């Protein structure tokens, strides 16, 4: 995970795994998943990823 591209792939992979688990739990009626709760969190996470992605320290301390 030394380069930014590999780290980005791992983060996206973990995101999709978490989203898949959340949707599976919703389908199994273990957890109720509503768009009015999910969409704001998704926007916050996306915004944080964009902000941190532009910073040198988020990519391993290099500017």
C-alpha atoms as a PDB file:
ATOM      1  CA  UNK A   1       0.000   0.000   0.000  1.00  0.00           C
ATOM      2  CA  UNK A   2       2.852   2.362  -0.656  1.00  0.00           C
ATOM      3  CA  UNK A   3       1.353   4.363  -3.514  1.00  0.00           C
ATOM      4  CA  UNK A   4      -1.817   6.452  -3.504  1.00  0.00           C
ATOM      5  CA  UNK A   5      -3.540   4.444  -6.225  1.00  0.00           C
ATOM      6  CA  UNK A   6      -3.334   1.198  -4.291  1.00  0.00           C
ATOM      7  CA  UNK A   7      -4.549   2.832  -1.084  1.00  0.00           C
ATOM      8  CA  UNK A   8      -7.442   4.402  -2.969  1.00  0.00           C
ATOM      9  CA  UNK A   9      -8.418   0.998  -4.355  1.00  0.00           C
ATOM     10  CA  UNK A  10      -8.382  -0.505  -0.854  1.00  0.00           C
ATOM     11  CA  UNK A  11     -10.535   2.313   0.529  1.00  0.00           C
ATOM     12  CA  UNK A  12     -13.076   1.957  -2.285  1.00  0.00           C
ATOM     13  CA  UNK A  13     -13.080  -1.809  -1.858  1.00  0.00           C
ATOM     14  CA  UNK A  14     -13.798  -1.481   1.862  1.00  0.00           C
ATOM     15  CA  UNK A  15     -16.506   1.067   1.129  1.00  0.00           C
ATOM     16  CA  UNK A  16     -18.272  -1.253  -1.304  1.00  0.00           C
ATOM     17  CA  UNK A  17     -17.990  -4.186   1.101  1.00  0.00           C
ATOM     18  CA  UNK A  18     -19.532  -2.094   3.893  1.00  0.00           C
ATOM     19  CA  UNK A  19     -22.295  -0.874   1.578  1.00  0.00           C
ATOM     20  CA  UNK A  20     -23.011  -4.441   0.484  1.00  0.00           C
ATOM     21  CA  UNK A  21     -23.231  -5.641   4.081  1.00  0.00           C
ATOM     22  CA  UNK A  22     -25.563  -2.747   4.934  1.00  0.00           C
ATOM     23  CA  UNK A  23     -27.877  -3.553   2.015  1.00  0.00           C
ATOM     24  CA  UNK A  24     -27.802  -7.267   2.863  1.00  0.00           C
ATOM     25  CA  UNK A  25     -28.775  -6.569   6.472  1.00  0.00           C
ATOM     26  CA  UNK A  26     -31.591  -4.370   5.179  1.00  0.00           C
ATOM     27  CA  UNK A  27     -32.877  -7.150   2.903  1.00  0.00           C
ATOM     28  CA  UNK A  28     -32.745  -9.651   5.770  1.00  0.00           C
ATOM     29  CA  UNK A  29     -34.767  -7.256   7.967  1.00  0.00           C
ATOM     30  CA  UNK A  30     -31.967  -7.099  10.508  1.00  0.00           C
ATOM     31  CA  UNK A  31     -31.479  -3.400   9.984  1.00  0.00           C
ATOM     32  CA  UNK A  32     -33.711  -0.749   8.399  1.00  0.00           C
ATOM     33  CA  UNK A  33     -31.823   1.269   5.826  1.00  0.00           C
ATOM     34  CA  UNK A  34     -33.461   4.509   4.739  1.00  0.00           C
ATOM     35  CA  UNK A  35     -32.187   6.902   2.087  1.00  0.00           C
ATOM     36  CA  UNK A  36     -32.778   9.921   4.304  1.00  0.00           C
ATOM     37  CA  UNK A  37     -30.162   8.530   6.711  1.00  0.00           C
ATOM     38  CA  UNK A  38     -27.743   7.077   4.182  1.00  0.00           C
ATOM     39  CA  UNK A  39     -27.454   9.925   1.666  1.00  0.00           C
ATOM     40  CA  UNK A  40     -26.242  12.638   4.089  1.00  0.00           C
ATOM     41  CA  UNK A  41     -23.631  10.266   5.524  1.00  0.00           C
ATOM     42  CA  UNK A  42     -22.544   9.351   1.999  1.00  0.00           C
ATOM     43  CA  UNK A  43     -22.136  13.023   1.117  1.00  0.00           C
ATOM     44  CA  UNK A  44     -20.108  13.697   4.270  1.00  0.00           C
ATOM     45  CA  UNK A  45     -17.805  10.747   3.576  1.00  0.00           C
ATOM     46  CA  UNK A  46     -17.396  11.759  -0.062  1.00  0.00           C
ATOM     47  CA  UNK A  47     -16.582  15.348   0.893  1.00  0.00           C
ATOM     48  CA  UNK A  48     -14.063  14.229   3.518  1.00  0.00           C
ATOM     49  CA  UNK A  49     -12.425  11.895   0.993  1.00  0.00           C
ATOM     50  CA  UNK A  50     -12.122  14.723  -1.520  1.00  0.00           C
ATOM     51  CA  UNK A  51     -10.652  17.093   1.073  1.00  0.00           C
ATOM     52  CA  UNK A  52      -8.206  14.546   2.459  1.00  0.00           C
ATOM     53  CA  UNK A  53      -7.295  13.306  -0.994  1.00  0.00           C
ATOM     54  CA  UNK A  54      -5.964  16.743  -1.908  1.00  0.00           C
ATOM     55  CA  UNK A  55      -3.717  16.938   1.155  1.00  0.00           C
ATOM     56  CA  UNK A  56      -0.139  15.692   1.128  1.00  0.00           C
ATOM     57  CA  UNK A  57      -0.355  14.256   4.651  1.00  0.00           C
ATOM     58  CA  UNK A  58      -3.280  12.043   3.674  1.00  0.00           C
ATOM     59  CA  UNK A  59      -1.069  10.332   1.099  1.00  0.00           C
ATOM     60  CA  UNK A  60       1.675   9.339   3.463  1.00  0.00           C
ATOM     61  CA  UNK A  61       3.168  12.646   4.547  1.00  0.00           C
ATOM     62  CA  UNK A  62       4.485  13.832   1.181  1.00  0.00           C
ATOM     63  CA  UNK A  63       3.520  17.260  -0.214  1.00  0.00           C
END
